[in-house]
């Protein structure tokens, strides 16, 4: 998605940093969780926006 420029280029790096932090120490798990939330939250918001759009219905002749 970063290659398609749908998300910022720094977001994949933040995901990797969050995963690496969990491997370094479990004491850093809250920090890793916040990093993953920071990186992935906009993806959920965009999916929600897409679901709120009004749907158009096309009439099919003869039905």
PDB file of N, CA and C in Angstrom:
ATOM      1  N   UNK A   1       0.811  -1.181   0.000  1.00  0.00           N
ATOM      2  CA  UNK A   1       0.000   0.000   0.000  1.00  0.00           C
ATOM      3  C   UNK A   1       0.863   1.257   0.000  1.00  0.00           C
ATOM      4  N   UNK A   2       2.025   1.168   0.643  1.00  0.00           N
ATOM      5  CA  UNK A   2       2.909   2.339   0.630  1.00  0.00           C
ATOM      6  C   UNK A   2       3.439   2.572  -0.777  1.00  0.00           C
ATOM      7  N   UNK A   3       3.666   1.496  -1.519  1.00  0.00           N
ATOM      8  CA  UNK A   3       4.156   1.645  -2.886  1.00  0.00           C
ATOM      9  C   UNK A   3       3.084   2.286  -3.771  1.00  0.00           C
ATOM     10  N   UNK A   4       1.830   2.039  -3.469  1.00  0.00           N
ATOM     11  CA  UNK A   4       0.731   2.632  -4.226  1.00  0.00           C
ATOM     12  C   UNK A   4       0.367   4.019  -3.702  1.00  0.00           C
ATOM     13  N   UNK A   5       1.072   4.472  -2.665  1.00  0.00           N
ATOM     14  CA  UNK A   5       0.865   5.780  -2.034  1.00  0.00           C
ATOM     15  C   UNK A   5      -0.523   5.925  -1.427  1.00  0.00           C
ATOM     16  N   UNK A   6      -1.066   4.819  -0.943  1.00  0.00           N
ATOM     17  CA  UNK A   6      -2.345   4.886  -0.239  1.00  0.00           C
ATOM     18  C   UNK A   6      -2.138   5.175   1.241  1.00  0.00           C
ATOM     19  N   UNK A   7      -0.938   4.894   1.730  1.00  0.00           N
ATOM     20  CA  UNK A   7      -0.582   5.227   3.103  1.00  0.00           C
ATOM     21  C   UNK A   7       0.770   5.923   3.080  1.00  0.00           C
ATOM     22  N   UNK A   8       1.086   6.593   4.169  1.00  0.00           N
ATOM     23  CA  UNK A   8       2.375   7.281   4.263  1.00  0.00           C
ATOM     24  C   UNK A   8       3.507   6.259   4.310  1.00  0.00           C
ATOM     25  N   UNK A   9       4.633   6.646   3.782  1.00  0.00           N
ATOM     26  CA  UNK A   9       5.768   5.720   3.687  1.00  0.00           C
ATOM     27  C   UNK A   9       6.330   5.345   5.057  1.00  0.00           C
ATOM     28  N   UNK A  10       6.114   6.167   6.080  1.00  0.00           N
ATOM     29  CA  UNK A  10       6.665   5.873   7.389  1.00  0.00           C
ATOM     30  C   UNK A  10       5.840   4.832   8.145  1.00  0.00           C
ATOM     31  N   UNK A  11       4.621   4.572   7.748  1.00  0.00           N
ATOM     32  CA  UNK A  11       3.763   3.631   8.484  1.00  0.00           C
ATOM     33  C   UNK A  11       4.295   2.194   8.473  1.00  0.00           C
ATOM     34  N   UNK A  12       4.776   1.651   7.352  1.00  0.00           N
ATOM     35  CA  UNK A  12       5.355   0.296   7.419  1.00  0.00           C
ATOM     36  C   UNK A  12       6.571   0.221   8.340  1.00  0.00           C
ATOM     37  N   UNK A  13       7.355   1.284   8.395  1.00  0.00           N
ATOM     38  CA  UNK A  13       8.513   1.295   9.293  1.00  0.00           C
ATOM     39  C   UNK A  13       8.070   1.277  10.753  1.00  0.00           C
ATOM     40  N   UNK A  14       6.969   1.951  11.064  1.00  0.00           N
ATOM     41  CA  UNK A  14       6.452   1.949  12.434  1.00  0.00           C
ATOM     42  C   UNK A  14       5.927   0.567  12.800  1.00  0.00           C
ATOM     43  N   UNK A  15       5.300  -0.123  11.864  1.00  0.00           N
ATOM     44  CA  UNK A  15       4.834  -1.493  12.120  1.00  0.00           C
ATOM     45  C   UNK A  15       6.017  -2.396  12.420  1.00  0.00           C
ATOM     46  N   UNK A  16       7.063  -2.299  11.630  1.00  0.00           N
ATOM     47  CA  UNK A  16       8.259  -3.118  11.862  1.00  0.00           C
ATOM     48  C   UNK A  16       8.872  -2.786  13.218  1.00  0.00           C
ATOM     49  N   UNK A  17       8.927  -1.509  13.566  1.00  0.00           N
ATOM     50  CA  UNK A  17       9.487  -1.114  14.857  1.00  0.00           C
ATOM     51  C   UNK A  17       8.659  -1.695  16.008  1.00  0.00           C
ATOM     52  N   UNK A  18       7.357  -1.701  15.871  1.00  0.00           N
ATOM     53  CA  UNK A  18       6.503  -2.277  16.905  1.00  0.00           C
ATOM     54  C   UNK A  18       6.726  -3.766  17.073  1.00  0.00           C
ATOM     55  N   UNK A  19       6.882  -4.470  15.988  1.00  0.00           N
ATOM     56  CA  UNK A  19       7.128  -5.913  16.057  1.00  0.00           C
ATOM     57  C   UNK A  19       8.503  -6.187  16.666  1.00  0.00           C
ATOM     58  N   UNK A  20       9.491  -5.393  16.286  1.00  0.00           N
ATOM     59  CA  UNK A  20      10.841  -5.580  16.827  1.00  0.00           C
ATOM     60  C   UNK A  20      10.857  -5.302  18.328  1.00  0.00           C
ATOM     61  N   UNK A  21      10.123  -4.293  18.772  1.00  0.00           N
ATOM     62  CA  UNK A  21      10.088  -3.977  20.209  1.00  0.00           C
ATOM     63  C   UNK A  21       9.532  -5.131  21.031  1.00  0.00           C
ATOM     64  N   UNK A  22       8.548  -5.843  20.501  1.00  0.00           N
ATOM     65  CA  UNK A  22       8.012  -6.980  21.249  1.00  0.00           C
ATOM     66  C   UNK A  22       9.041  -8.090  21.364  1.00  0.00           C
ATOM     67  N   UNK A  23       9.909  -8.215  20.394  1.00  0.00           N
ATOM     68  CA  UNK A  23      10.957  -9.229  20.451  1.00  0.00           C
ATOM     69  C   UNK A  23      12.106  -8.838  21.362  1.00  0.00           C
ATOM     70  N   UNK A  24      12.320  -7.546  21.529  1.00  0.00           N
ATOM     71  CA  UNK A  24      13.412  -7.076  22.390  1.00  0.00           C
ATOM     72  C   UNK A  24      13.078  -7.345  23.844  1.00  0.00           C
ATOM     73  N   UNK A  25      11.907  -6.923  24.270  1.00  0.00           N
ATOM     74  CA  UNK A  25      11.512  -7.110  25.664  1.00  0.00           C
ATOM     75  C   UNK A  25       9.998  -7.004  25.769  1.00  0.00           C
ATOM     76  N   UNK A  26       9.416  -7.882  26.560  1.00  0.00           N
ATOM     77  CA  UNK A  26       7.973  -7.812  26.762  1.00  0.00           C
ATOM     78  C   UNK A  26       7.586  -6.601  27.596  1.00  0.00           C
ATOM     79  N   UNK A  27       8.543  -5.992  28.273  1.00  0.00           N
ATOM     80  CA  UNK A  27       8.270  -4.757  29.007  1.00  0.00           C
ATOM     81  C   UNK A  27       7.924  -3.618  28.058  1.00  0.00           C
ATOM     82  N   UNK A  28       8.335  -3.728  26.814  1.00  0.00           N
ATOM     83  CA  UNK A  28       8.059  -2.696  25.816  1.00  0.00           C
ATOM     84  C   UNK A  28       6.769  -2.952  25.045  1.00  0.00           C
ATOM     85  N   UNK A  29       6.005  -3.930  25.483  1.00  0.00           N
ATOM     86  CA  UNK A  29       4.767  -4.292  24.793  1.00  0.00           C
ATOM     87  C   UNK A  29       3.765  -3.123  24.711  1.00  0.00           C
ATOM     88  N   UNK A  30       3.567  -2.323  25.755  1.00  0.00           N
ATOM     89  CA  UNK A  30       2.651  -1.178  25.608  1.00  0.00           C
ATOM     90  C   UNK A  30       3.120  -0.167  24.562  1.00  0.00           C
ATOM     91  N   UNK A  31       4.420   0.073  24.505  1.00  0.00           N
ATOM     92  CA  UNK A  31       4.959   1.002  23.507  1.00  0.00           C
ATOM     93  C   UNK A  31       4.752   0.434  22.108  1.00  0.00           C
ATOM     94  N   UNK A  32       4.992  -0.865  21.956  1.00  0.00           N
ATOM     95  CA  UNK A  32       4.794  -1.514  20.659  1.00  0.00           C
ATOM     96  C   UNK A  32       3.323  -1.445  20.253  1.00  0.00           C
ATOM     97  N   UNK A  33       2.429  -1.636  21.207  1.00  0.00           N
ATOM     98  CA  UNK A  33       1.003  -1.542  20.911  1.00  0.00           C
ATOM     99  C   UNK A  33       0.604  -0.159  20.435  1.00  0.00           C
ATOM    100  N   UNK A  34       1.152   0.860  21.072  1.00  0.00           N
ATOM    101  CA  UNK A  34       0.853   2.223  20.634  1.00  0.00           C
ATOM    102  C   UNK A  34       1.404   2.495  19.236  1.00  0.00           C
ATOM    103  N   UNK A  35       2.584   1.975  18.950  1.00  0.00           N
ATOM    104  CA  UNK A  35       3.150   2.157  17.611  1.00  0.00           C
ATOM    105  C   UNK A  35       2.283   1.480  16.558  1.00  0.00           C
ATOM    106  N   UNK A  36       1.828   0.259  16.848  1.00  0.00           N
ATOM    107  CA  UNK A  36       0.971  -0.446  15.893  1.00  0.00           C
ATOM    108  C   UNK A  36      -0.365   0.274  15.726  1.00  0.00           C
ATOM    109  N   UNK A  37      -0.908   0.805  16.822  1.00  0.00           N
ATOM    110  CA  UNK A  37      -2.144   1.570  16.728  1.00  0.00           C
ATOM    111  C   UNK A  37      -1.950   2.806  15.873  1.00  0.00           C
ATOM    112  N   UNK A  38      -0.852   3.488  16.084  1.00  0.00           N
ATOM    113  CA  UNK A  38      -0.541   4.680  15.300  1.00  0.00           C
ATOM    114  C   UNK A  38      -0.438   4.365  13.811  1.00  0.00           C
ATOM    115  N   UNK A  39       0.184   3.239  13.500  1.00  0.00           N
ATOM    116  CA  UNK A  39       0.402   2.883  12.099  1.00  0.00           C
ATOM    117  C   UNK A  39      -0.852   2.343  11.422  1.00  0.00           C
ATOM    118  N   UNK A  40      -1.696   1.615  12.154  1.00  0.00           N
ATOM    119  CA  UNK A  40      -2.813   0.919  11.524  1.00  0.00           C
ATOM    120  C   UNK A  40      -4.159   1.607  11.684  1.00  0.00           C
ATOM    121  N   UNK A  41      -4.290   2.559  12.581  1.00  0.00           N
ATOM    122  CA  UNK A  41      -5.582   3.209  12.817  1.00  0.00           C
ATOM    123  C   UNK A  41      -6.158   3.880  11.569  1.00  0.00           C
ATOM    124  N   UNK A  42      -5.366   4.589  10.763  1.00  0.00           N
ATOM    125  CA  UNK A  42      -5.957   5.211   9.573  1.00  0.00           C
ATOM    126  C   UNK A  42      -6.537   4.207   8.578  1.00  0.00           C
ATOM    127  N   UNK A  43      -6.040   2.992   8.568  1.00  0.00           N
ATOM    128  CA  UNK A  43      -6.584   1.995   7.648  1.00  0.00           C
ATOM    129  C   UNK A  43      -8.013   1.641   8.025  1.00  0.00           C
ATOM    130  N   UNK A  44      -8.285   1.521   9.312  1.00  0.00           N
ATOM    131  CA  UNK A  44      -9.638   1.240   9.769  1.00  0.00           C
ATOM    132  C   UNK A  44     -10.580   2.400   9.516  1.00  0.00           C
ATOM    133  N   UNK A  45     -10.072   3.616   9.651  1.00  0.00           N
ATOM    134  CA  UNK A  45     -10.901   4.796   9.419  1.00  0.00           C
ATOM    135  C   UNK A  45     -11.283   4.895   7.954  1.00  0.00           C
ATOM    136  N   UNK A  46     -10.380   4.587   7.071  1.00  0.00           N
ATOM    137  CA  UNK A  46     -10.690   4.648   5.636  1.00  0.00           C
ATOM    138  C   UNK A  46     -11.697   3.581   5.248  1.00  0.00           C
ATOM    139  N   UNK A  47     -11.590   2.409   5.840  1.00  0.00           N
ATOM    140  CA  UNK A  47     -12.556   1.357   5.538  1.00  0.00           C
ATOM    141  C   UNK A  47     -13.934   1.762   6.042  1.00  0.00           C
ATOM    142  N   UNK A  48     -13.988   2.419   7.206  1.00  0.00           N
ATOM    143  CA  UNK A  48     -15.268   2.885   7.732  1.00  0.00           C
ATOM    144  C   UNK A  48     -15.882   3.958   6.865  1.00  0.00           C
ATOM    145  N   UNK A  49     -15.055   4.857   6.336  1.00  0.00           N
ATOM    146  CA  UNK A  49     -15.562   5.900   5.447  1.00  0.00           C
ATOM    147  C   UNK A  49     -16.168   5.292   4.192  1.00  0.00           C
ATOM    148  N   UNK A  50     -15.552   4.251   3.706  1.00  0.00           N
ATOM    149  CA  UNK A  50     -16.029   3.602   2.493  1.00  0.00           C
ATOM    150  C   UNK A  50     -17.391   2.954   2.734  1.00  0.00           C
ATOM    151  N   UNK A  51     -17.608   2.437   3.956  1.00  0.00           N
ATOM    152  CA  UNK A  51     -18.871   1.779   4.269  1.00  0.00           C
ATOM    153  C   UNK A  51     -20.013   2.770   4.443  1.00  0.00           C
ATOM    154  N   UNK A  52     -19.704   4.034   4.740  1.00  0.00           N
ATOM    155  CA  UNK A  52     -20.738   5.026   4.981  1.00  0.00           C
ATOM    156  C   UNK A  52     -21.236   5.713   3.715  1.00  0.00           C
ATOM    157  N   UNK A  53     -20.600   5.475   2.621  1.00  0.00           N
ATOM    158  CA  UNK A  53     -21.037   6.113   1.381  1.00  0.00           C
ATOM    159  C   UNK A  53     -22.396   5.559   0.964  1.00  0.00           C
ATOM    160  N   UNK A  54     -23.244   6.408   0.437  1.00  0.00           N
ATOM    161  CA  UNK A  54     -24.535   5.884  -0.020  1.00  0.00           C
ATOM    162  C   UNK A  54     -24.346   4.938  -1.213  1.00  0.00           C
ATOM    163  N   UNK A  55     -25.074   3.898  -1.181  1.00  0.00           N
ATOM    164  CA  UNK A  55     -24.984   2.921  -2.259  1.00  0.00           C
ATOM    165  C   UNK A  55     -25.989   3.289  -3.350  1.00  0.00           C
ATOM    166  N   UNK A  56     -25.572   3.125  -4.577  1.00  0.00           N
ATOM    167  CA  UNK A  56     -26.465   3.408  -5.684  1.00  0.00           C
ATOM    168  C   UNK A  56     -27.051   2.088  -6.180  1.00  0.00           C
ATOM    169  N   UNK A  57     -28.286   2.153  -6.539  1.00  0.00           N
ATOM    170  CA  UNK A  57     -28.971   0.966  -7.044  1.00  0.00           C
ATOM    171  C   UNK A  57     -29.301   1.197  -8.499  1.00  0.00           C
ATOM    172  N   UNK A  58     -28.953   0.244  -9.321  1.00  0.00           N
ATOM    173  CA  UNK A  58     -29.232   0.331 -10.749  1.00  0.00           C
ATOM    174  C   UNK A  58     -30.397  -0.588 -11.078  1.00  0.00           C
ATOM    175  N   UNK A  59     -31.402  -0.025 -11.703  1.00  0.00           N
ATOM    176  CA  UNK A  59     -32.559  -0.819 -12.091  1.00  0.00           C
ATOM    177  C   UNK A  59     -32.218  -1.669 -13.302  1.00  0.00           C
ATOM    178  N   UNK A  60     -32.631  -2.908 -13.260  1.00  0.00           N
ATOM    179  CA  UNK A  60     -32.406  -3.831 -14.369  1.00  0.00           C
ATOM    180  C   UNK A  60     -33.711  -3.962 -15.130  1.00  0.00           C
ATOM    181  N   UNK A  61     -33.705  -3.639 -16.413  1.00  0.00           N
ATOM    182  CA  UNK A  61     -34.951  -3.744 -17.194  1.00  0.00           C
ATOM    183  C   UNK A  61     -35.448  -5.189 -17.236  1.00  0.00           C
ATOM    184  N   UNK A  62     -36.738  -5.344 -17.073  1.00  0.00           N
ATOM    185  CA  UNK A  62     -37.349  -6.651 -17.177  1.00  0.00           C
ATOM    186  C   UNK A  62     -37.346  -7.439 -15.902  1.00  0.00           C
ATOM    187  N   UNK A  63     -37.036  -6.801 -14.786  1.00  0.00           N
ATOM    188  CA  UNK A  63     -37.053  -7.579 -13.541  1.00  0.00           C
ATOM    189  C   UNK A  63     -38.243  -7.244 -12.697  1.00  0.00           C
TER     190      UNK A  63
END
